[in-house]
All heavy atoms as atom14 arrays in JSON, in Angstrom:
{
  "sequence": "CVGAAAKVLYDQGIHKVEMENVYLGPEYSSEEIEKALKSTDDIVFE",
  "atom14_mask": [
    [1, 1, 1, 1, 1, 1, 0, 0, 0, 0, 0, 0, 0, 0],
    [1, 1, 1, 1, 1, 1, 1, 0, 0, 0, 0, 0, 0, 0],
    [1, 1, 1, 1, 0, 0, 0, 0, 0, 0, 0, 0, 0, 0],
    [1, 1, 1, 1, 1, 0, 0, 0, 0, 0, 0, 0, 0, 0],
    [1, 1, 1, 1, 1, 0, 0, 0, 0, 0, 0, 0, 0, 0],
    [1, 1, 1, 1, 1, 0, 0, 0, 0, 0, 0, 0, 0, 0],
    [1, 1, 1, 1, 1, 1, 1, 1, 1, 0, 0, 0, 0, 0],
    [1, 1, 1, 1, 1, 1, 1, 0, 0, 0, 0, 0, 0, 0],
    [1, 1, 1, 1, 1, 1, 1, 1, 0, 0, 0, 0, 0, 0],
    [1, 1, 1, 1, 1, 1, 1, 1, 1, 1, 1, 1, 0, 0],
    [1, 1, 1, 1, 1, 1, 1, 1, 0, 0, 0, 0, 0, 0],
    [1, 1, 1, 1, 1, 1, 1, 1, 1, 0, 0, 0, 0, 0],
    [1, 1, 1, 1, 0, 0, 0, 0, 0, 0, 0, 0, 0, 0],
    [1, 1, 1, 1, 1, 1, 1, 1, 0, 0, 0, 0, 0, 0],
    [1, 1, 1, 1, 1, 1, 1, 1, 1, 1, 0, 0, 0, 0],
    [1, 1, 1, 1, 1, 1, 1, 1, 1, 0, 0, 0, 0, 0],
    [1, 1, 1, 1, 1, 1, 1, 0, 0, 0, 0, 0, 0, 0],
    [1, 1, 1, 1, 1, 1, 1, 1, 1, 0, 0, 0, 0, 0],
    [1, 1, 1, 1, 1, 1, 1, 1, 0, 0, 0, 0, 0, 0],
    [1, 1, 1, 1, 1, 1, 1, 1, 1, 0, 0, 0, 0, 0],
    [1, 1, 1, 1, 1, 1, 1, 1, 0, 0, 0, 0, 0, 0],
    [1, 1, 1, 1, 1, 1, 1, 0, 0, 0, 0, 0, 0, 0],
    [1, 1, 1, 1, 1, 1, 1, 1, 1, 1, 1, 1, 0, 0],
    [1, 1, 1, 1, 1, 1, 1, 1, 0, 0, 0, 0, 0, 0],
    [1, 1, 1, 1, 0, 0, 0, 0, 0, 0, 0, 0, 0, 0],
    [1, 1, 1, 1, 1, 1, 1, 0, 0, 0, 0, 0, 0, 0],
    [1, 1, 1, 1, 1, 1, 1, 1, 1, 0, 0, 0, 0, 0],
    [1, 1, 1, 1, 1, 1, 1, 1, 1, 1, 1, 1, 0, 0],
    [1, 1, 1, 1, 1, 1, 0, 0, 0, 0, 0, 0, 0, 0],
    [1, 1, 1, 1, 1, 1, 0, 0, 0, 0, 0, 0, 0, 0],
    [1, 1, 1, 1, 1, 1, 1, 1, 1, 0, 0, 0, 0, 0],
    [1, 1, 1, 1, 1, 1, 1, 1, 1, 0, 0, 0, 0, 0],
    [1, 1, 1, 1, 1, 1, 1, 1, 0, 0, 0, 0, 0, 0],
    [1, 1, 1, 1, 1, 1, 1, 1, 1, 0, 0, 0, 0, 0],
    [1, 1, 1, 1, 1, 1, 1, 1, 1, 0, 0, 0, 0, 0],
    [1, 1, 1, 1, 1, 0, 0, 0, 0, 0, 0, 0, 0, 0],
    [1, 1, 1, 1, 1, 1, 1, 1, 0, 0, 0, 0, 0, 0],
    [1, 1, 1, 1, 1, 1, 1, 1, 1, 0, 0, 0, 0, 0],
    [1, 1, 1, 1, 1, 1, 0, 0, 0, 0, 0, 0, 0, 0],
    [1, 1, 1, 1, 1, 1, 1, 0, 0, 0, 0, 0, 0, 0],
    [1, 1, 1, 1, 1, 1, 1, 1, 0, 0, 0, 0, 0, 0],
    [1, 1, 1, 1, 1, 1, 1, 1, 0, 0, 0, 0, 0, 0],
    [1, 1, 1, 1, 1, 1, 1, 1, 0, 0, 0, 0, 0, 0],
    [1, 1, 1, 1, 1, 1, 1, 0, 0, 0, 0, 0, 0, 0],
    [1, 1, 1, 1, 1, 1, 1, 1, 1, 1, 1, 0, 0, 0],
    [1, 1, 1, 1, 1, 1, 1, 1, 1, 0, 0, 0, 0, 0]
  ],
  "atom14_positions": [
    [[0.82, -1.19, 0.0], [0.01, 0.0, 0.02], [0.89, 1.28, 0.03], [0.57, 2.19, -0.71], [-0.96, -0.02, 1.2], [-0.2, -0.09, 2.84], [0.0, 0.0, 0.0], [0.0, 0.0, 0.0], [0.0, 0.0, 0.0], [0.0, 0.0, 0.0], [0.0, 0.0, 0.0], [0.0, 0.0, 0.0], [0.0, 0.0, 0.0], [0.0, 0.0, 0.0]],
    [[1.98, 1.26, 0.78], [2.81, 2.46, 0.81], [3.59, 2.63, -0.52], [3.87, 3.71, -0.95], [3.74, 2.48, 2.04], [2.95, 2.41, 3.3], [4.78, 1.34, 1.99], [0.0, 0.0, 0.0], [0.0, 0.0, 0.0], [0.0, 0.0, 0.0], [0.0, 0.0, 0.0], [0.0, 0.0, 0.0], [0.0, 0.0, 0.0], [0.0, 0.0, 0.0]],
    [[3.92, 1.45, -1.11], [4.57, 1.51, -2.41], [3.64, 2.03, -3.55], [4.07, 2.9, -4.33], [0.0, 0.0, 0.0], [0.0, 0.0, 0.0], [0.0, 0.0, 0.0], [0.0, 0.0, 0.0], [0.0, 0.0, 0.0], [0.0, 0.0, 0.0], [0.0, 0.0, 0.0], [0.0, 0.0, 0.0], [0.0, 0.0, 0.0], [0.0, 0.0, 0.0]],
    [[2.41, 1.63, -3.5], [1.45, 2.17, -4.5], [1.24, 3.65, -4.39], [1.25, 4.4, -5.38], [0.15, 1.44, -4.41], [0.0, 0.0, 0.0], [0.0, 0.0, 0.0], [0.0, 0.0, 0.0], [0.0, 0.0, 0.0], [0.0, 0.0, 0.0], [0.0, 0.0, 0.0], [0.0, 0.0, 0.0], [0.0, 0.0, 0.0], [0.0, 0.0, 0.0]],
    [[1.15, 4.15, -3.12], [0.98, 5.57, -2.87], [2.21, 6.35, -3.36], [2.15, 7.4, -3.96], [0.74, 5.81, -1.43], [0.0, 0.0, 0.0], [0.0, 0.0, 0.0], [0.0, 0.0, 0.0], [0.0, 0.0, 0.0], [0.0, 0.0, 0.0], [0.0, 0.0, 0.0], [0.0, 0.0, 0.0], [0.0, 0.0, 0.0], [0.0, 0.0, 0.0]],
    [[3.4, 5.73, -3.11], [4.66, 6.37, -3.57], [4.77, 6.51, -5.08], [5.23, 7.42, -5.64], [5.89, 5.65, -2.97], [0.0, 0.0, 0.0], [0.0, 0.0, 0.0], [0.0, 0.0, 0.0], [0.0, 0.0, 0.0], [0.0, 0.0, 0.0], [0.0, 0.0, 0.0], [0.0, 0.0, 0.0], [0.0, 0.0, 0.0], [0.0, 0.0, 0.0]],
    [[4.23, 5.42, -5.75], [4.28, 5.41, -7.22], [3.47, 6.52, -7.78], [3.79, 7.12, -8.83], [3.79, 4.01, -7.75], [3.78, 3.86, -9.2], [5.15, 3.79, -9.81], [5.17, 3.22, -11.27], [4.51, 4.11, -12.32], [0.0, 0.0, 0.0], [0.0, 0.0, 0.0], [0.0, 0.0, 0.0], [0.0, 0.0, 0.0], [0.0, 0.0, 0.0]],
    [[2.32, 6.77, -7.2], [1.49, 7.95, -7.63], [2.33, 9.22, -7.65], [2.36, 9.96, -8.61], [0.25, 8.1, -6.74], [-0.52, 9.43, -7.06], [-0.69, 6.92, -6.87], [0.0, 0.0, 0.0], [0.0, 0.0, 0.0], [0.0, 0.0, 0.0], [0.0, 0.0, 0.0], [0.0, 0.0, 0.0], [0.0, 0.0, 0.0], [0.0, 0.0, 0.0]],
    [[3.08, 9.5, -6.55], [3.82, 10.75, -6.43], [4.98, 10.66, -7.4], [5.29, 11.7, -8.03], [4.35, 10.85, -5.0], [3.28, 11.13, -3.92], [3.86, 11.18, -2.54], [2.56, 12.46, -4.23], [0.0, 0.0, 0.0], [0.0, 0.0, 0.0], [0.0, 0.0, 0.0], [0.0, 0.0, 0.0], [0.0, 0.0, 0.0], [0.0, 0.0, 0.0]],
    [[5.62, 9.52, -7.52], [6.8, 9.5, -8.45], [6.39, 9.85, -9.86], [7.09, 10.6, -10.54], [7.46, 8.08, -8.41], [8.82, 8.07, -9.16], [9.98, 8.25, -8.49], [8.82, 7.84, -10.54], [11.22, 8.29, -9.18], [10.03, 7.82, -11.16], [11.25, 8.07, -10.44], [12.41, 8.05, -11.15], [0.0, 0.0, 0.0], [0.0, 0.0, 0.0]],
    [[5.29, 9.32, -10.32], [4.76, 9.6, -11.67], [4.47, 11.08, -11.87], [4.35, 11.53, -13.01], [3.52, 8.76, -11.94], [3.84, 7.28, -12.13], [5.13, 7.01, -12.27], [2.96, 6.44, -12.16], [0.0, 0.0, 0.0], [0.0, 0.0, 0.0], [0.0, 0.0, 0.0], [0.0, 0.0, 0.0], [0.0, 0.0, 0.0], [0.0, 0.0, 0.0]],
    [[4.35, 11.8, -10.73], [4.07, 13.28, -10.8], [5.3, 14.07, -10.51], [5.26, 15.25, -10.26], [2.95, 13.64, -9.9], [1.59, 12.97, -10.26], [0.46, 13.44, -9.47], [0.43, 14.59, -9.05], [-0.54, 12.67, -9.28], [0.0, 0.0, 0.0], [0.0, 0.0, 0.0], [0.0, 0.0, 0.0], [0.0, 0.0, 0.0], [0.0, 0.0, 0.0]],
    [[6.5, 13.44, -10.53], [7.73, 14.11, -10.32], [8.2, 14.3, -8.89], [9.14, 15.01, -8.64], [0.0, 0.0, 0.0], [0.0, 0.0, 0.0], [0.0, 0.0, 0.0], [0.0, 0.0, 0.0], [0.0, 0.0, 0.0], [0.0, 0.0, 0.0], [0.0, 0.0, 0.0], [0.0, 0.0, 0.0], [0.0, 0.0, 0.0], [0.0, 0.0, 0.0]],
    [[7.5, 13.59, -7.96], [7.87, 13.67, -6.5], [8.44, 12.35, -6.18], [7.74, 11.36, -5.97], [6.66, 14.04, -5.67], [5.99, 15.33, -6.11], [7.05, 14.07, -4.19], [4.64, 15.61, -5.46], [0.0, 0.0, 0.0], [0.0, 0.0, 0.0], [0.0, 0.0, 0.0], [0.0, 0.0, 0.0], [0.0, 0.0, 0.0], [0.0, 0.0, 0.0]],
    [[9.77, 12.25, -6.0], [10.42, 10.93, -5.93], [10.6, 10.48, -4.52], [11.12, 9.34, -4.35], [11.78, 10.95, -6.68], [12.82, 11.84, -6.05], [12.79, 13.2, -6.1], [13.9, 11.53, -5.27], [13.82, 13.78, -5.51], [14.53, 12.78, -4.96], [0.0, 0.0, 0.0], [0.0, 0.0, 0.0], [0.0, 0.0, 0.0], [0.0, 0.0, 0.0]],
    [[10.29, 11.3, -3.52], [10.47, 10.88, -2.13], [9.18, 11.17, -1.38], [8.49, 12.12, -1.57], [11.66, 11.58, -1.43], [12.99, 11.18, -1.93], [13.29, 9.68, -1.63], [14.68, 9.26, -2.22], [14.93, 7.83, -1.99], [0.0, 0.0, 0.0], [0.0, 0.0, 0.0], [0.0, 0.0, 0.0], [0.0, 0.0, 0.0], [0.0, 0.0, 0.0]],
    [[8.85, 10.23, -0.41], [7.77, 10.41, 0.48], [8.41, 10.55, 1.92], [9.28, 9.71, 2.29], [6.83, 9.17, 0.46], [5.66, 9.41, 1.42], [6.34, 8.91, -0.92], [0.0, 0.0, 0.0], [0.0, 0.0, 0.0], [0.0, 0.0, 0.0], [0.0, 0.0, 0.0], [0.0, 0.0, 0.0], [0.0, 0.0, 0.0], [0.0, 0.0, 0.0]],
    [[7.96, 11.52, 2.59], [8.5, 11.74, 3.93], [7.94, 10.65, 4.92], [6.78, 10.46, 5.0], [8.14, 13.14, 4.49], [8.71, 13.46, 5.86], [8.27, 14.84, 6.32], [7.62, 15.52, 5.63], [8.55, 15.13, 7.51], [0.0, 0.0, 0.0], [0.0, 0.0, 0.0], [0.0, 0.0, 0.0], [0.0, 0.0, 0.0], [0.0, 0.0, 0.0]],
    [[8.84, 10.04, 5.6], [8.5, 9.0, 6.63], [9.45, 9.22, 7.83], [10.54, 8.82, 7.84], [8.63, 7.57, 6.08], [8.21, 6.51, 7.04], [8.34, 4.82, 6.44], [10.14, 4.59, 6.5], [0.0, 0.0, 0.0], [0.0, 0.0, 0.0], [0.0, 0.0, 0.0], [0.0, 0.0, 0.0], [0.0, 0.0, 0.0], [0.0, 0.0, 0.0]],
    [[8.85, 9.87, 8.81], [9.68, 10.21, 10.02], [10.09, 8.94, 10.8], [11.15, 8.78, 11.28], [8.93, 11.09, 10.93], [8.75, 12.52, 10.37], [8.0, 13.43, 11.35], [7.52, 12.98, 12.4], [7.85, 14.62, 10.99], [0.0, 0.0, 0.0], [0.0, 0.0, 0.0], [0.0, 0.0, 0.0], [0.0, 0.0, 0.0], [0.0, 0.0, 0.0]],
    [[9.15, 8.01, 10.85], [9.3, 6.73, 11.56], [8.12, 5.82, 11.16], [7.38, 6.2, 10.26], [9.31, 6.93, 13.1], [8.14, 7.72, 13.6], [7.01, 7.45, 13.34], [8.42, 8.85, 14.31], [0.0, 0.0, 0.0], [0.0, 0.0, 0.0], [0.0, 0.0, 0.0], [0.0, 0.0, 0.0], [0.0, 0.0, 0.0], [0.0, 0.0, 0.0]],
    [[8.0, 4.7, 11.78], [6.9, 3.83, 11.41], [5.86, 3.73, 12.54], [5.06, 2.79, 12.58], [7.43, 2.42, 11.07], [8.25, 2.39, 9.81], [8.27, 1.81, 12.2], [0.0, 0.0, 0.0], [0.0, 0.0, 0.0], [0.0, 0.0, 0.0], [0.0, 0.0, 0.0], [0.0, 0.0, 0.0], [0.0, 0.0, 0.0], [0.0, 0.0, 0.0]],
    [[5.85, 4.7, 13.43], [4.8, 4.79, 14.45], [3.66, 5.47, 13.8], [3.41, 6.65, 13.93], [5.34, 5.55, 15.72], [6.59, 4.94, 16.27], [7.77, 5.64, 16.32], [6.61, 3.62, 16.72], [8.91, 5.07, 16.83], [7.76, 3.05, 17.21], [8.89, 3.8, 17.31], [10.05, 3.2, 17.74], [0.0, 0.0, 0.0], [0.0, 0.0, 0.0]],
    [[2.86, 4.69, 13.04], [1.82, 5.19, 12.08], [0.47, 4.74, 12.47], [-0.55, 5.02, 11.77], [2.2, 4.87, 10.65], [3.52, 5.4, 10.15], [3.99, 4.69, 8.97], [3.29, 6.93, 9.83], [0.0, 0.0, 0.0], [0.0, 0.0, 0.0], [0.0, 0.0, 0.0], [0.0, 0.0, 0.0], [0.0, 0.0, 0.0], [0.0, 0.0, 0.0]],
    [[0.35, 3.88, 13.5], [-0.95, 3.29, 13.89], [-1.7, 4.08, 14.95], [-1.25, 5.17, 15.3], [0.0, 0.0, 0.0], [0.0, 0.0, 0.0], [0.0, 0.0, 0.0], [0.0, 0.0, 0.0], [0.0, 0.0, 0.0], [0.0, 0.0, 0.0], [0.0, 0.0, 0.0], [0.0, 0.0, 0.0], [0.0, 0.0, 0.0], [0.0, 0.0, 0.0]],
    [[-2.73, 3.5, 15.54], [-3.54, 4.16, 16.52], [-2.8, 4.47, 17.75], [-1.89, 3.76, 18.18], [-4.65, 3.13, 16.77], [-4.7, 2.3, 15.57], [-3.31, 2.16, 15.09], [0.0, 0.0, 0.0], [0.0, 0.0, 0.0], [0.0, 0.0, 0.0], [0.0, 0.0, 0.0], [0.0, 0.0, 0.0], [0.0, 0.0, 0.0], [0.0, 0.0, 0.0]],
    [[-3.2, 5.5, 18.42], [-2.74, 5.98, 19.74], [-3.96, 6.12, 20.6], [-5.06, 6.51, 20.17], [-1.94, 7.25, 19.59], [-1.34, 7.79, 20.87], [-0.5, 8.98, 20.71], [-0.63, 9.69, 19.6], [0.39, 9.27, 21.53], [0.0, 0.0, 0.0], [0.0, 0.0, 0.0], [0.0, 0.0, 0.0], [0.0, 0.0, 0.0], [0.0, 0.0, 0.0]],
    [[-3.72, 5.93, 21.96], [-4.89, 6.03, 22.87], [-4.57, 7.05, 23.93], [-3.43, 7.15, 24.49], [-5.16, 4.65, 23.46], [-5.56, 3.64, 22.34], [-4.6, 2.93, 21.7], [-6.86, 3.56, 22.01], [-4.86, 2.05, 20.65], [-7.23, 2.64, 20.92], [-6.22, 1.95, 20.26], [-6.54, 1.09, 19.22], [0.0, 0.0, 0.0], [0.0, 0.0, 0.0]],
    [[-5.6, 7.81, 24.32], [-5.42, 8.9, 25.3], [-5.36, 8.32, 26.68], [-5.69, 7.16, 26.95], [-6.64, 9.86, 25.25], [-7.82, 9.19, 25.66], [0.0, 0.0, 0.0], [0.0, 0.0, 0.0], [0.0, 0.0, 0.0], [0.0, 0.0, 0.0], [0.0, 0.0, 0.0], [0.0, 0.0, 0.0], [0.0, 0.0, 0.0], [0.0, 0.0, 0.0]],
    [[-4.89, 9.13, 27.65], [-4.81, 8.71, 29.07], [-6.2, 8.36, 29.55], [-6.34, 7.43, 30.36], [-4.25, 9.84, 29.9], [-2.89, 10.01, 29.62], [0.0, 0.0, 0.0], [0.0, 0.0, 0.0], [0.0, 0.0, 0.0], [0.0, 0.0, 0.0], [0.0, 0.0, 0.0], [0.0, 0.0, 0.0], [0.0, 0.0, 0.0], [0.0, 0.0, 0.0]],
    [[-7.23, 9.04, 29.07], [-8.57, 8.77, 29.47], [-9.04, 7.47, 29.02], [-9.68, 6.66, 29.81], [-9.52, 9.88, 28.99], [-9.41, 11.29, 29.66], [-8.1, 12.03, 29.12], [-7.62, 11.63, 28.03], [-7.69, 12.89, 29.84], [0.0, 0.0, 0.0], [0.0, 0.0, 0.0], [0.0, 0.0, 0.0], [0.0, 0.0, 0.0], [0.0, 0.0, 0.0]],
    [[-8.67, 7.1, 27.76], [-9.09, 5.79, 27.25], [-8.36, 4.67, 27.99], [-8.89, 3.55, 28.3], [-8.75, 5.75, 25.76], [-9.67, 6.54, 24.9], [-9.21, 6.63, 23.46], [-8.06, 6.97, 23.2], [-10.07, 6.32, 22.63], [0.0, 0.0, 0.0], [0.0, 0.0, 0.0], [0.0, 0.0, 0.0], [0.0, 0.0, 0.0], [0.0, 0.0, 0.0]],
    [[-7.02, 4.94, 28.24], [-6.25, 3.9, 28.98], [-6.76, 3.73, 30.37], [-6.95, 2.51, 30.84], [-4.74, 4.29, 28.97], [-4.14, 4.3, 27.6], [-3.99, 3.39, 30.01], [-2.76, 4.84, 27.46], [0.0, 0.0, 0.0], [0.0, 0.0, 0.0], [0.0, 0.0, 0.0], [0.0, 0.0, 0.0], [0.0, 0.0, 0.0], [0.0, 0.0, 0.0]],
    [[-7.07, 4.77, 31.08], [-7.55, 4.68, 32.54], [-8.88, 3.91, 32.56], [-9.19, 3.15, 33.4], [-7.63, 6.01, 33.09], [-7.99, 6.01, 34.57], [-7.81, 7.33, 35.25], [-7.63, 8.38, 34.51], [-7.86, 7.36, 36.47], [0.0, 0.0, 0.0], [0.0, 0.0, 0.0], [0.0, 0.0, 0.0], [0.0, 0.0, 0.0], [0.0, 0.0, 0.0]],
    [[-9.73, 4.25, 31.58], [-11.06, 3.59, 31.55], [-10.87, 2.06, 31.38], [-11.55, 1.25, 32.07], [-11.89, 4.11, 30.39], [-13.25, 3.52, 30.22], [-14.03, 4.12, 29.09], [-15.41, 3.52, 28.95], [-16.19, 4.08, 27.75], [0.0, 0.0, 0.0], [0.0, 0.0, 0.0], [0.0, 0.0, 0.0], [0.0, 0.0, 0.0], [0.0, 0.0, 0.0]],
    [[-9.92, 1.64, 30.52], [-9.68, 0.24, 30.31], [-9.14, -0.41, 31.53], [-9.44, -1.54, 31.93], [-8.78, 0.01, 29.11], [0.0, 0.0, 0.0], [0.0, 0.0, 0.0], [0.0, 0.0, 0.0], [0.0, 0.0, 0.0], [0.0, 0.0, 0.0], [0.0, 0.0, 0.0], [0.0, 0.0, 0.0], [0.0, 0.0, 0.0], [0.0, 0.0, 0.0]],
    [[-8.23, 0.31, 32.2], [-7.62, -0.23, 33.43], [-8.68, -0.43, 34.51], [-8.71, -1.44, 35.21], [-6.49, 0.7, 33.92], [-5.24, 0.66, 33.08], [-4.35, 1.89, 33.48], [-4.45, -0.58, 33.25], [0.0, 0.0, 0.0], [0.0, 0.0, 0.0], [0.0, 0.0, 0.0], [0.0, 0.0, 0.0], [0.0, 0.0, 0.0], [0.0, 0.0, 0.0]],
    [[-9.59, 0.55, 34.63], [-10.59, 0.48, 35.7], [-11.62, -0.61, 35.44], [-12.25, -1.1, 36.37], [-11.29, 1.88, 35.76], [-10.48, 2.89, 36.44], [-11.24, 4.27, 36.53], [-10.49, 5.28, 37.23], [-11.16, 6.59, 37.27], [0.0, 0.0, 0.0], [0.0, 0.0, 0.0], [0.0, 0.0, 0.0], [0.0, 0.0, 0.0], [0.0, 0.0, 0.0]],
    [[-11.77, -1.08, 34.17], [-12.69, -2.04, 33.9], [-12.21, -3.48, 34.14], [-12.91, -4.45, 33.92], [-13.16, -1.95, 32.38], [-12.07, -2.34, 31.58], [0.0, 0.0, 0.0], [0.0, 0.0, 0.0], [0.0, 0.0, 0.0], [0.0, 0.0, 0.0], [0.0, 0.0, 0.0], [0.0, 0.0, 0.0], [0.0, 0.0, 0.0], [0.0, 0.0, 0.0]],
    [[-10.97, -3.6, 34.58], [-10.34, -4.93, 34.86], [-10.21, -5.08, 36.39], [-9.55, -4.27, 37.07], [-8.96, -5.02, 34.21], [-9.1, -4.68, 32.77], [-8.4, -6.41, 34.29], [0.0, 0.0, 0.0], [0.0, 0.0, 0.0], [0.0, 0.0, 0.0], [0.0, 0.0, 0.0], [0.0, 0.0, 0.0], [0.0, 0.0, 0.0], [0.0, 0.0, 0.0]],
    [[-10.83, -6.19, 36.87], [-10.92, -6.35, 38.32], [-9.66, -6.88, 38.99], [-9.42, -6.7, 40.23], [-12.08, -7.28, 38.7], [-13.42, -6.72, 38.26], [-13.58, -5.47, 38.28], [-14.33, -7.5, 37.98], [0.0, 0.0, 0.0], [0.0, 0.0, 0.0], [0.0, 0.0, 0.0], [0.0, 0.0, 0.0], [0.0, 0.0, 0.0], [0.0, 0.0, 0.0]],
    [[-8.81, -7.57, 38.26], [-7.74, -8.26, 38.93], [-6.39, -7.57, 38.83], [-5.34, -8.13, 38.96], [-7.61, -9.71, 38.29], [-7.17, -9.64, 36.76], [-7.3, -8.57, 36.19], [-6.77, -10.66, 36.29], [0.0, 0.0, 0.0], [0.0, 0.0, 0.0], [0.0, 0.0, 0.0], [0.0, 0.0, 0.0], [0.0, 0.0, 0.0], [0.0, 0.0, 0.0]],
    [[-6.36, -6.22, 38.53], [-5.19, -5.44, 38.53], [-5.24, -4.24, 39.41], [-6.38, -3.77, 39.77], [-4.79, -5.04, 37.05], [-5.8, -4.09, 36.53], [-4.64, -6.28, 36.17], [-5.46, -3.4, 35.18], [0.0, 0.0, 0.0], [0.0, 0.0, 0.0], [0.0, 0.0, 0.0], [0.0, 0.0, 0.0], [0.0, 0.0, 0.0], [0.0, 0.0, 0.0]],
    [[-4.04, -3.74, 39.8], [-3.94, -2.44, 40.46], [-3.05, -1.59, 39.64], [-2.15, -2.08, 38.94], [-3.42, -2.63, 41.91], [-4.38, -3.37, 42.8], [-2.06, -3.31, 41.88], [0.0, 0.0, 0.0], [0.0, 0.0, 0.0], [0.0, 0.0, 0.0], [0.0, 0.0, 0.0], [0.0, 0.0, 0.0], [0.0, 0.0, 0.0], [0.0, 0.0, 0.0]],
    [[-3.24, -0.26, 39.68], [-2.44, 0.57, 38.87], [-2.3, 1.93, 39.5], [-3.06, 2.34, 40.4], [-3.03, 0.8, 37.49], [-4.4, 1.44, 37.46], [-4.51, 2.84, 37.3], [-5.58, 0.71, 37.6], [-5.75, 3.47, 37.26], [-6.82, 1.33, 37.54], [-6.87, 2.72, 37.41], [0.0, 0.0, 0.0], [0.0, 0.0, 0.0], [0.0, 0.0, 0.0]],
    [[-1.31, 2.68, 39.12], [-1.05, 4.06, 39.52], [-0.66, 4.88, 38.36], [0.02, 4.36, 37.38], [-0.03, 4.14, 40.63], [1.35, 3.57, 40.25], [2.32, 3.71, 41.38], [2.16, 4.64, 42.23], [3.31, 2.91, 41.4], [0.0, 0.0, 0.0], [0.0, 0.0, 0.0], [0.0, 0.0, 0.0], [0.0, 0.0, 0.0], [0.0, 0.0, 0.0]]
  ]
}
């Protein structure tokens, strides 16, 4: 998928795609994490 997207750009004279790193997937907020932690009975957290 990333190769196909790059080919679109190359064909238009843009030969590089900026990729800072591969941390490209979902991220979860502190509120979402805390909610998930509180819903589990057999753990403690801080």
